[in-house]
Amino acid sequence: MKKTINVVAAIIENEQNEILCALRSPQMSMPNLWEFPGGKVEKEEDIYTSITREIKEELACEIEPITLFHENVHEYESIIVNLFAITSRIVDGVPVASEHAKLLWLKRENLSSLRWALADIPAVKKLIDQKDT
């Protein structure tokens, strides 16, 4: 039986209506795919506490989680990921790629130009679809 893990992902939008995208480094699992930054939810942690901690660790900045934007369950070859995508805003600092190979700010309509990790794709599609409404 595959292990299920809860993962949080921050959808961070800047003043120019661009969304922060993070390229997984060659050392990470699923290397060279784009994702929304975040990570595993620790035991006894809620998703909002988790995303705040993960972004501080990964990007060296402070965010304020706003709302749960999208929840998706994706089954990979070895694990099942329950991904919670949370809209957030930066309240202090500037994101710095410490674990990721690269960070990129993109407009919603350009998100589909990247090669995304499979679990992130439903949230990406929802973000693009919102642009049309």
N, C-alpha and C. Protein backbone atom coordinates (compact mmCIF):
# COMPACT_ATOMS: atom_id res chain seq x y z
N MET A 1 0.83 -1.19 0.00
CA MET A 1 0.00 0.00 0.00
C MET A 1 0.88 1.25 0.00
N LYS A 2 0.53 2.21 -0.85
CA LYS A 2 1.31 3.43 -0.97
C LYS A 2 1.07 4.36 0.22
N LYS A 3 2.13 5.05 0.58
CA LYS A 3 2.04 6.03 1.65
C LYS A 3 1.36 7.30 1.11
N THR A 4 0.47 7.90 1.92
CA THR A 4 -0.16 9.16 1.55
C THR A 4 0.47 10.27 2.38
N ILE A 5 0.88 11.34 1.71
CA ILE A 5 1.45 12.49 2.44
C ILE A 5 0.63 13.74 2.12
N ASN A 6 0.49 14.58 3.12
CA ASN A 6 -0.16 15.88 2.95
C ASN A 6 0.91 16.90 2.63
N VAL A 7 0.70 17.64 1.58
CA VAL A 7 1.66 18.64 1.11
C VAL A 7 0.93 19.96 0.91
N VAL A 8 1.61 21.06 1.31
CA VAL A 8 1.06 22.39 1.09
C VAL A 8 1.86 23.10 0.01
N ALA A 9 1.18 23.96 -0.73
CA ALA A 9 1.82 24.73 -1.80
C ALA A 9 1.28 26.15 -1.73
N ALA A 10 2.18 27.13 -1.80
CA ALA A 10 1.77 28.53 -1.72
C ALA A 10 1.57 29.11 -3.12
N ILE A 11 0.41 29.68 -3.33
CA ILE A 11 0.16 30.45 -4.55
C ILE A 11 0.31 31.91 -4.14
N ILE A 12 1.49 32.45 -4.47
CA ILE A 12 1.84 33.80 -4.06
C ILE A 12 1.76 34.72 -5.28
N GLU A 13 0.92 35.75 -5.17
CA GLU A 13 0.76 36.69 -6.27
C GLU A 13 1.33 38.04 -5.85
N ASN A 14 2.06 38.69 -6.77
CA ASN A 14 2.64 40.00 -6.46
C ASN A 14 1.74 41.13 -6.97
N GLU A 15 2.20 42.37 -6.80
CA GLU A 15 1.41 43.55 -7.20
C GLU A 15 1.19 43.63 -8.70
N GLN A 16 2.04 42.98 -9.48
CA GLN A 16 1.90 42.97 -10.94
C GLN A 16 1.02 41.82 -11.43
N ASN A 17 0.32 41.18 -10.50
CA ASN A 17 -0.55 40.03 -10.81
C ASN A 17 0.22 38.86 -11.41
N GLU A 18 1.46 38.68 -10.94
CA GLU A 18 2.27 37.54 -11.35
C GLU A 18 2.32 36.54 -10.21
N ILE A 19 2.43 35.27 -10.54
CA ILE A 19 2.42 34.19 -9.56
C ILE A 19 3.82 33.57 -9.49
N LEU A 20 4.24 33.29 -8.26
CA LEU A 20 5.58 32.73 -8.04
C LEU A 20 5.61 31.25 -8.38
N CYS A 21 6.52 30.88 -9.26
CA CYS A 21 6.72 29.49 -9.68
C CYS A 21 8.14 29.08 -9.27
N ALA A 22 8.30 27.82 -8.86
CA ALA A 22 9.60 27.34 -8.39
C ALA A 22 10.01 26.09 -9.17
N LEU A 23 11.24 26.10 -9.67
CA LEU A 23 11.77 24.97 -10.43
C LEU A 23 12.48 24.01 -9.48
N ARG A 24 12.01 22.76 -9.47
CA ARG A 24 12.63 21.75 -8.61
C ARG A 24 14.07 21.50 -9.08
N SER A 25 14.99 21.45 -8.14
CA SER A 25 16.41 21.28 -8.49
C SER A 25 16.69 19.84 -8.93
N PRO A 26 17.82 19.63 -9.59
CA PRO A 26 18.19 18.27 -10.02
C PRO A 26 18.35 17.30 -8.85
N GLN A 27 18.58 17.80 -7.63
CA GLN A 27 18.75 16.93 -6.47
C GLN A 27 17.41 16.49 -5.86
N MET A 28 16.33 17.14 -6.22
CA MET A 28 15.02 16.82 -5.65
C MET A 28 14.38 15.67 -6.42
N SER A 29 13.39 15.03 -5.78
CA SER A 29 12.60 14.07 -6.53
C SER A 29 11.82 14.87 -7.58
N MET A 30 11.47 14.26 -8.66
CA MET A 30 10.82 14.93 -9.79
C MET A 30 11.61 16.19 -10.20
N PRO A 31 12.89 16.02 -10.52
CA PRO A 31 13.75 17.16 -10.84
C PRO A 31 13.29 17.90 -12.10
N ASN A 32 13.62 19.18 -12.12
CA ASN A 32 13.40 20.03 -13.28
C ASN A 32 11.94 20.21 -13.69
N LEU A 33 11.05 20.00 -12.73
CA LEU A 33 9.63 20.30 -12.95
C LEU A 33 9.29 21.53 -12.12
N TRP A 34 8.33 22.27 -12.56
CA TRP A 34 7.90 23.47 -11.84
C TRP A 34 6.81 23.11 -10.84
N GLU A 35 6.77 23.88 -9.78
CA GLU A 35 5.77 23.67 -8.74
C GLU A 35 5.51 25.00 -8.03
N PHE A 36 4.45 25.00 -7.22
CA PHE A 36 4.26 26.11 -6.29
C PHE A 36 5.06 25.73 -5.05
N PRO A 37 5.83 26.66 -4.49
CA PRO A 37 6.69 26.31 -3.36
C PRO A 37 5.90 25.88 -2.14
N GLY A 38 6.49 24.99 -1.35
CA GLY A 38 5.84 24.48 -0.15
C GLY A 38 6.53 23.21 0.29
N GLY A 39 5.77 22.32 0.93
CA GLY A 39 6.37 21.08 1.40
C GLY A 39 5.41 20.28 2.25
N LYS A 40 5.97 19.29 2.92
CA LYS A 40 5.16 18.35 3.71
C LYS A 40 4.60 19.00 4.96
N VAL A 41 3.37 18.62 5.27
CA VAL A 41 2.73 19.04 6.52
C VAL A 41 3.26 18.14 7.63
N GLU A 42 3.80 18.76 8.67
CA GLU A 42 4.32 18.00 9.81
C GLU A 42 3.18 17.51 10.69
N LYS A 43 3.47 16.47 11.47
CA LYS A 43 2.49 15.93 12.41
C LYS A 43 2.05 17.04 13.37
N GLU A 44 0.78 17.08 13.69
CA GLU A 44 0.20 18.08 14.61
C GLU A 44 0.21 19.50 14.05
N GLU A 45 0.35 19.66 12.74
CA GLU A 45 0.42 20.99 12.14
C GLU A 45 -0.79 21.16 11.22
N ASP A 46 -1.43 22.36 11.25
CA ASP A 46 -2.49 22.60 10.27
C ASP A 46 -1.85 23.14 8.99
N ILE A 47 -2.62 23.19 7.92
CA ILE A 47 -2.04 23.55 6.62
C ILE A 47 -1.54 25.00 6.59
N TYR A 48 -2.17 25.89 7.34
CA TYR A 48 -1.76 27.30 7.31
C TYR A 48 -0.45 27.51 8.08
N THR A 49 -0.31 26.83 9.20
CA THR A 49 0.94 26.88 9.95
C THR A 49 2.05 26.26 9.11
N SER A 50 1.73 25.16 8.45
CA SER A 50 2.70 24.45 7.63
C SER A 50 3.22 25.29 6.47
N ILE A 51 2.31 25.96 5.74
CA ILE A 51 2.76 26.73 4.58
C ILE A 51 3.60 27.93 5.02
N THR A 52 3.25 28.54 6.15
CA THR A 52 4.04 29.66 6.67
C THR A 52 5.45 29.20 7.01
N ARG A 53 5.57 28.05 7.68
CA ARG A 53 6.87 27.50 8.05
C ARG A 53 7.68 27.11 6.81
N GLU A 54 7.04 26.40 5.89
CA GLU A 54 7.74 25.92 4.69
C GLU A 54 8.30 27.07 3.85
N ILE A 55 7.52 28.13 3.68
CA ILE A 55 8.00 29.25 2.87
C ILE A 55 9.14 29.98 3.57
N LYS A 56 9.06 30.09 4.88
CA LYS A 56 10.16 30.72 5.63
C LYS A 56 11.44 29.89 5.45
N GLU A 57 11.31 28.55 5.52
CA GLU A 57 12.48 27.66 5.37
C GLU A 57 13.01 27.67 3.93
N GLU A 58 12.11 27.58 2.95
CA GLU A 58 12.51 27.42 1.55
C GLU A 58 12.88 28.72 0.85
N LEU A 59 12.16 29.80 1.18
CA LEU A 59 12.31 31.04 0.42
C LEU A 59 12.82 32.21 1.25
N ALA A 60 13.03 32.00 2.54
CA ALA A 60 13.55 33.03 3.44
C ALA A 60 12.71 34.31 3.44
N CYS A 61 11.39 34.14 3.40
CA CYS A 61 10.51 35.29 3.51
C CYS A 61 9.27 34.90 4.31
N GLU A 62 8.55 35.90 4.77
CA GLU A 62 7.33 35.67 5.56
C GLU A 62 6.11 35.84 4.68
N ILE A 63 5.17 34.91 4.81
CA ILE A 63 3.91 35.04 4.08
C ILE A 63 2.75 35.03 5.05
N GLU A 64 1.63 35.49 4.53
CA GLU A 64 0.36 35.38 5.25
C GLU A 64 -0.54 34.50 4.39
N PRO A 65 -0.92 33.31 4.90
CA PRO A 65 -1.85 32.47 4.15
C PRO A 65 -3.22 33.15 4.13
N ILE A 66 -3.89 33.10 2.99
CA ILE A 66 -5.18 33.75 2.86
C ILE A 66 -6.32 32.74 2.87
N THR A 67 -6.31 31.83 1.90
CA THR A 67 -7.40 30.86 1.82
C THR A 67 -6.96 29.60 1.07
N LEU A 68 -7.65 28.51 1.33
CA LEU A 68 -7.41 27.27 0.58
C LEU A 68 -7.98 27.48 -0.82
N PHE A 69 -7.11 27.45 -1.81
CA PHE A 69 -7.50 27.71 -3.20
C PHE A 69 -7.94 26.44 -3.91
N HIS A 70 -7.21 25.35 -3.67
CA HIS A 70 -7.49 24.10 -4.38
C HIS A 70 -6.92 22.93 -3.59
N GLU A 71 -7.64 21.83 -3.59
CA GLU A 71 -7.15 20.59 -2.99
C GLU A 71 -7.19 19.51 -4.05
N ASN A 72 -6.11 18.74 -4.13
CA ASN A 72 -6.00 17.72 -5.17
C ASN A 72 -5.27 16.50 -4.62
N VAL A 73 -5.76 15.33 -4.96
CA VAL A 73 -5.06 14.10 -4.61
C VAL A 73 -4.46 13.55 -5.90
N HIS A 74 -3.14 13.31 -5.87
CA HIS A 74 -2.48 12.76 -7.05
C HIS A 74 -1.67 11.53 -6.64
N GLU A 75 -1.87 10.46 -7.39
CA GLU A 75 -1.15 9.22 -7.12
C GLU A 75 0.06 9.12 -8.05
N TYR A 76 1.23 9.19 -7.44
CA TYR A 76 2.48 8.98 -8.16
C TYR A 76 2.83 7.50 -8.10
N GLU A 77 3.94 7.12 -8.71
CA GLU A 77 4.34 5.71 -8.75
C GLU A 77 4.55 5.13 -7.35
N SER A 78 5.16 5.93 -6.46
CA SER A 78 5.50 5.38 -5.14
C SER A 78 4.72 5.98 -3.97
N ILE A 79 4.07 7.14 -4.16
CA ILE A 79 3.32 7.77 -3.07
C ILE A 79 2.03 8.42 -3.59
N ILE A 80 1.17 8.73 -2.65
CA ILE A 80 -0.04 9.50 -2.96
C ILE A 80 0.11 10.84 -2.27
N VAL A 81 -0.06 11.91 -3.04
CA VAL A 81 0.09 13.27 -2.51
C VAL A 81 -1.28 13.93 -2.41
N ASN A 82 -1.61 14.39 -1.22
CA ASN A 82 -2.79 15.22 -1.02
C ASN A 82 -2.29 16.65 -0.95
N LEU A 83 -2.47 17.39 -2.04
CA LEU A 83 -1.89 18.73 -2.17
C LEU A 83 -2.92 19.81 -1.84
N PHE A 84 -2.56 20.68 -0.91
CA PHE A 84 -3.38 21.82 -0.52
C PHE A 84 -2.70 23.08 -1.07
N ALA A 85 -3.30 23.69 -2.08
CA ALA A 85 -2.76 24.93 -2.65
C ALA A 85 -3.43 26.10 -1.95
N ILE A 86 -2.62 26.96 -1.33
CA ILE A 86 -3.12 28.03 -0.48
C ILE A 86 -2.69 29.38 -1.04
N THR A 87 -3.67 30.25 -1.32
CA THR A 87 -3.30 31.59 -1.75
C THR A 87 -2.67 32.30 -0.56
N SER A 88 -1.60 33.03 -0.85
CA SER A 88 -0.82 33.67 0.20
C SER A 88 -0.26 34.98 -0.33
N ARG A 89 0.16 35.83 0.60
CA ARG A 89 0.83 37.06 0.18
C ARG A 89 2.08 37.25 1.02
N ILE A 90 3.09 37.85 0.43
CA ILE A 90 4.34 38.12 1.14
C ILE A 90 4.12 39.31 2.06
N VAL A 91 4.51 39.15 3.32
CA VAL A 91 4.40 40.25 4.27
C VAL A 91 5.77 40.80 4.68
N ASP A 92 6.82 40.02 4.44
CA ASP A 92 8.16 40.50 4.76
C ASP A 92 9.20 39.73 3.96
N GLY A 93 10.14 40.45 3.37
CA GLY A 93 11.24 39.82 2.64
C GLY A 93 10.95 39.64 1.16
N VAL A 94 11.95 39.09 0.49
CA VAL A 94 11.89 38.80 -0.94
C VAL A 94 12.25 37.32 -1.10
N PRO A 95 11.45 36.55 -1.85
CA PRO A 95 11.76 35.12 -2.02
C PRO A 95 13.14 34.87 -2.61
N VAL A 96 13.87 33.93 -2.00
CA VAL A 96 15.20 33.54 -2.46
C VAL A 96 15.19 32.02 -2.66
N ALA A 97 15.68 31.56 -3.80
CA ALA A 97 15.72 30.12 -4.09
C ALA A 97 16.89 29.50 -3.34
N SER A 98 16.59 28.75 -2.27
CA SER A 98 17.65 28.05 -1.55
C SER A 98 17.61 26.56 -1.86
N GLU A 99 16.41 26.01 -2.00
CA GLU A 99 16.27 24.59 -2.33
C GLU A 99 15.95 24.39 -3.81
N HIS A 100 15.29 25.35 -4.40
CA HIS A 100 14.90 25.26 -5.80
C HIS A 100 16.02 25.77 -6.71
N ALA A 101 16.00 25.32 -7.96
CA ALA A 101 17.00 25.75 -8.94
C ALA A 101 16.74 27.19 -9.39
N LYS A 102 15.46 27.58 -9.40
CA LYS A 102 15.11 28.89 -9.94
C LYS A 102 13.71 29.28 -9.47
N LEU A 103 13.50 30.59 -9.31
CA LEU A 103 12.18 31.14 -9.04
C LEU A 103 11.81 32.05 -10.21
N LEU A 104 10.52 32.08 -10.53
CA LEU A 104 10.06 32.85 -11.68
C LEU A 104 8.68 33.41 -11.38
N TRP A 105 8.47 34.68 -11.68
CA TRP A 105 7.14 35.30 -11.56
C TRP A 105 6.50 35.29 -12.93
N LEU A 106 5.29 34.71 -13.03
CA LEU A 106 4.60 34.63 -14.32
C LEU A 106 3.15 35.07 -14.20
N LYS A 107 2.63 35.68 -15.26
CA LYS A 107 1.21 35.99 -15.35
C LYS A 107 0.44 34.67 -15.49
N ARG A 108 -0.80 34.68 -15.02
CA ARG A 108 -1.63 33.47 -15.08
C ARG A 108 -1.67 32.86 -16.48
N GLU A 109 -1.85 33.71 -17.48
CA GLU A 109 -2.01 33.19 -18.85
C GLU A 109 -0.73 32.54 -19.38
N ASN A 110 0.40 32.76 -18.71
CA ASN A 110 1.66 32.16 -19.15
C ASN A 110 2.06 30.92 -18.34
N LEU A 111 1.28 30.57 -17.34
CA LEU A 111 1.63 29.42 -16.49
C LEU A 111 1.74 28.12 -17.28
N SER A 112 0.93 27.98 -18.31
CA SER A 112 0.94 26.72 -19.08
C SER A 112 2.21 26.55 -19.91
N SER A 113 3.06 27.58 -19.97
CA SER A 113 4.31 27.47 -20.73
C SER A 113 5.37 26.65 -20.00
N LEU A 114 5.13 26.36 -18.71
CA LEU A 114 6.09 25.60 -17.91
C LEU A 114 5.70 24.13 -17.84
N ARG A 115 6.68 23.27 -17.54
CA ARG A 115 6.46 21.84 -17.35
C ARG A 115 6.26 21.60 -15.85
N TRP A 116 5.02 21.41 -15.44
CA TRP A 116 4.63 21.34 -14.03
C TRP A 116 4.66 19.93 -13.46
N ALA A 117 4.93 19.83 -12.16
CA ALA A 117 4.76 18.56 -11.45
C ALA A 117 3.27 18.19 -11.55
N LEU A 118 2.99 16.93 -11.73
CA LEU A 118 1.62 16.49 -12.01
C LEU A 118 0.61 16.92 -10.93
N ALA A 119 0.99 16.87 -9.67
CA ALA A 119 0.06 17.22 -8.60
C ALA A 119 -0.33 18.70 -8.64
N ASP A 120 0.51 19.56 -9.22
CA ASP A 120 0.24 21.00 -9.28
C ASP A 120 -0.65 21.40 -10.46
N ILE A 121 -0.76 20.54 -11.46
CA ILE A 121 -1.46 20.90 -12.70
C ILE A 121 -2.92 21.32 -12.48
N PRO A 122 -3.72 20.64 -11.65
CA PRO A 122 -5.10 21.11 -11.46
C PRO A 122 -5.18 22.54 -10.91
N ALA A 123 -4.31 22.91 -9.99
CA ALA A 123 -4.31 24.28 -9.46
C ALA A 123 -3.87 25.27 -10.54
N VAL A 124 -2.91 24.87 -11.36
CA VAL A 124 -2.46 25.72 -12.48
C VAL A 124 -3.64 25.99 -13.42
N LYS A 125 -4.36 24.93 -13.77
CA LYS A 125 -5.52 25.08 -14.68
C LYS A 125 -6.58 25.99 -14.08
N LYS A 126 -6.82 25.84 -12.77
CA LYS A 126 -7.82 26.68 -12.11
C LYS A 126 -7.39 28.15 -12.12
N LEU A 127 -6.11 28.41 -11.90
CA LEU A 127 -5.59 29.78 -11.96
C LEU A 127 -5.75 30.38 -13.35
N ILE A 128 -5.44 29.61 -14.37
CA ILE A 128 -5.57 30.09 -15.76
C ILE A 128 -7.04 30.35 -16.07
N ASP A 129 -7.91 29.44 -15.67
CA ASP A 129 -9.35 29.59 -15.93
C ASP A 129 -9.92 30.83 -15.24
N GLN A 130 -9.40 31.18 -14.09
CA GLN A 130 -9.87 32.37 -13.35
C GLN A 130 -9.61 33.63 -14.15
N LYS A 131 -8.57 33.65 -14.92
CA LYS A 131 -8.21 34.82 -15.72
C LYS A 131 -9.32 35.13 -16.72
N ASP A 132 -9.99 34.08 -17.19
CA ASP A 132 -11.03 34.24 -18.21
C ASP A 132 -12.37 34.72 -17.62
N THR A 133 -12.49 34.70 -16.29
CA THR A 133 -13.77 35.08 -15.69
C THR A 133 -13.82 36.52 -15.28
